[in-house]
Amino acid sequence: MNFQVYLQNAWVKPHKASKEEIARLRAVADRDIRQSNAADMEPEWRFDIAYNASLQLAVAALAAAGYQAERQNKHQRTIECLGFFYWKLVTWTFSIVAGESETPRFTMKLG
């Protein structure tokens, strides 16, 4: 399956994310990562919090690519879409680490 199928089925839709939206999602993920490391918390809760951190980063990545998952099956669709943007995300991560850009904008070939 390719990304075009997701668009045709309206599983994702175009979304123009602001720098503030991406920053907010990253901040929630950072907070959840810190909280998931709390030794006094039950393992199940730690896993749930770590999952939420992962989901927030996936939502940020999809938004940075210019899309948003549908409400129904949002977790599934968001995580599935990571595979379509993987190399772009790696490039984005390295450009942020290198101090080149905090506002990712991708162009992509659908197919």
Protein backbone atom coordinates (compact mmCIF):
# COMPACT_ATOMS: atom_id res chain seq x y z
CA MET A 1 0.00 0.00 0.00
CA ASN A 2 1.24 3.50 -0.71
CA PHE A 3 0.47 6.96 0.62
CA GLN A 4 -1.83 7.75 -2.31
CA VAL A 5 -4.24 5.08 -1.02
CA TYR A 6 -4.37 6.83 2.35
CA LEU A 7 -5.27 10.10 0.64
CA GLN A 8 -7.86 8.49 -1.64
CA ASN A 9 -9.56 6.78 1.31
CA ALA A 10 -9.44 10.02 3.37
CA TRP A 11 -7.44 8.26 6.07
CA VAL A 12 -5.20 11.33 6.07
CA LYS A 13 -5.91 14.85 4.93
CA PRO A 14 -3.74 17.85 4.16
CA HIS A 15 -2.88 19.90 7.24
CA LYS A 16 -0.75 23.03 7.52
CA ALA A 17 1.05 22.79 10.85
CA SER A 18 2.49 25.81 12.55
CA LYS A 19 5.89 25.93 14.20
CA GLU A 20 4.03 26.31 17.52
CA GLU A 21 1.96 23.15 16.93
CA ILE A 22 5.08 21.09 16.23
CA ALA A 23 6.80 22.56 19.29
CA ARG A 24 3.78 21.77 21.49
CA LEU A 25 3.68 18.16 20.33
CA ARG A 26 7.41 17.78 20.92
CA ALA A 27 7.06 19.32 24.39
CA VAL A 28 4.33 16.82 25.32
CA ALA A 29 6.52 13.98 24.07
CA ASP A 30 9.51 15.26 26.05
CA ARG A 31 7.39 15.50 29.20
CA ASP A 32 6.00 12.00 28.71
CA ILE A 33 9.45 10.53 28.10
CA ARG A 34 10.66 12.04 31.36
CA GLN A 35 7.57 10.80 33.25
CA SER A 36 7.81 7.30 31.78
CA ASN A 37 11.19 6.93 33.47
CA ALA A 38 9.74 7.36 36.97
CA ALA A 39 10.90 4.37 39.01
CA ASP A 40 7.99 4.62 41.44
CA MET A 41 5.39 4.03 38.72
CA GLU A 42 3.90 0.69 37.72
CA PRO A 43 5.34 -0.74 34.48
CA GLU A 44 1.94 -0.65 32.74
CA TRP A 45 1.61 3.11 33.36
CA ARG A 46 5.18 3.70 32.26
CA PHE A 47 4.45 1.88 29.02
CA ASP A 48 1.23 3.88 28.44
CA ILE A 49 3.05 7.15 28.97
CA ALA A 50 5.94 6.11 26.70
CA TYR A 51 3.40 5.07 24.04
CA ASN A 52 1.79 8.50 24.24
CA ALA A 53 5.20 10.12 23.79
CA SER A 54 5.74 8.02 20.66
CA LEU A 55 2.31 8.89 19.34
CA GLN A 56 2.86 12.62 19.88
CA LEU A 57 6.12 12.44 17.93
CA ALA A 58 4.38 10.52 15.14
CA VAL A 59 1.60 13.15 15.02
CA ALA A 60 4.29 15.86 14.87
CA ALA A 61 6.10 14.07 12.05
CA LEU A 62 2.92 13.64 10.02
CA ALA A 63 1.94 17.27 10.65
CA ALA A 64 5.41 18.44 9.64
CA ALA A 65 4.96 16.52 6.40
CA GLY A 66 1.73 18.47 5.83
CA TYR A 67 -0.88 15.90 6.84
CA GLN A 68 -3.17 14.84 9.66
CA ALA A 69 -4.77 11.44 10.26
CA GLU A 70 -8.52 11.00 10.37
CA ARG A 71 -10.12 10.89 13.82
CA GLN A 72 -11.29 7.31 13.51
CA ASN A 73 -8.26 5.00 13.78
CA LYS A 74 -6.04 8.04 14.35
CA HIS A 75 -3.37 6.16 16.31
CA GLN A 76 -3.14 3.39 13.74
CA ARG A 77 -3.12 5.67 10.68
CA THR A 78 -0.58 8.05 12.21
CA ILE A 79 1.86 5.28 13.07
CA GLU A 80 1.37 3.54 9.73
CA CYS A 81 2.26 6.74 7.91
CA LEU A 82 5.67 6.92 9.55
CA GLY A 83 6.94 4.43 6.99
CA PHE A 84 6.08 6.81 4.14
CA PHE A 85 8.14 9.62 5.66
CA TYR A 86 10.97 7.71 7.34
CA TRP A 87 13.93 9.07 5.35
CA LYS A 88 12.51 12.57 5.40
CA LEU A 89 12.23 12.33 9.20
CA VAL A 90 15.83 11.20 9.52
CA THR A 91 16.93 14.17 7.40
CA TRP A 92 14.73 16.52 9.44
CA THR A 93 16.16 15.21 12.71
CA PHE A 94 19.72 15.68 11.56
CA SER A 95 19.01 19.19 10.26
CA ILE A 96 17.56 20.17 13.65
CA VAL A 97 20.55 18.68 15.49
CA ALA A 98 22.85 20.57 13.13
CA GLY A 99 20.93 23.78 13.89
CA GLU A 100 19.79 24.26 10.31
CA SER A 101 16.03 24.42 10.81
CA GLU A 102 13.35 24.13 13.46
CA THR A 103 10.47 24.26 10.97
CA PRO A 104 10.41 21.15 8.81
CA ARG A 105 8.79 21.35 5.41
CA PHE A 106 8.85 18.35 3.16
CA THR A 107 8.15 17.82 -0.47
CA MET A 108 7.29 14.30 -1.42
CA LYS A 109 6.53 12.18 -4.43
CA LEU A 110 3.37 10.16 -3.90
CA GLY A 111 3.42 6.61 -5.09
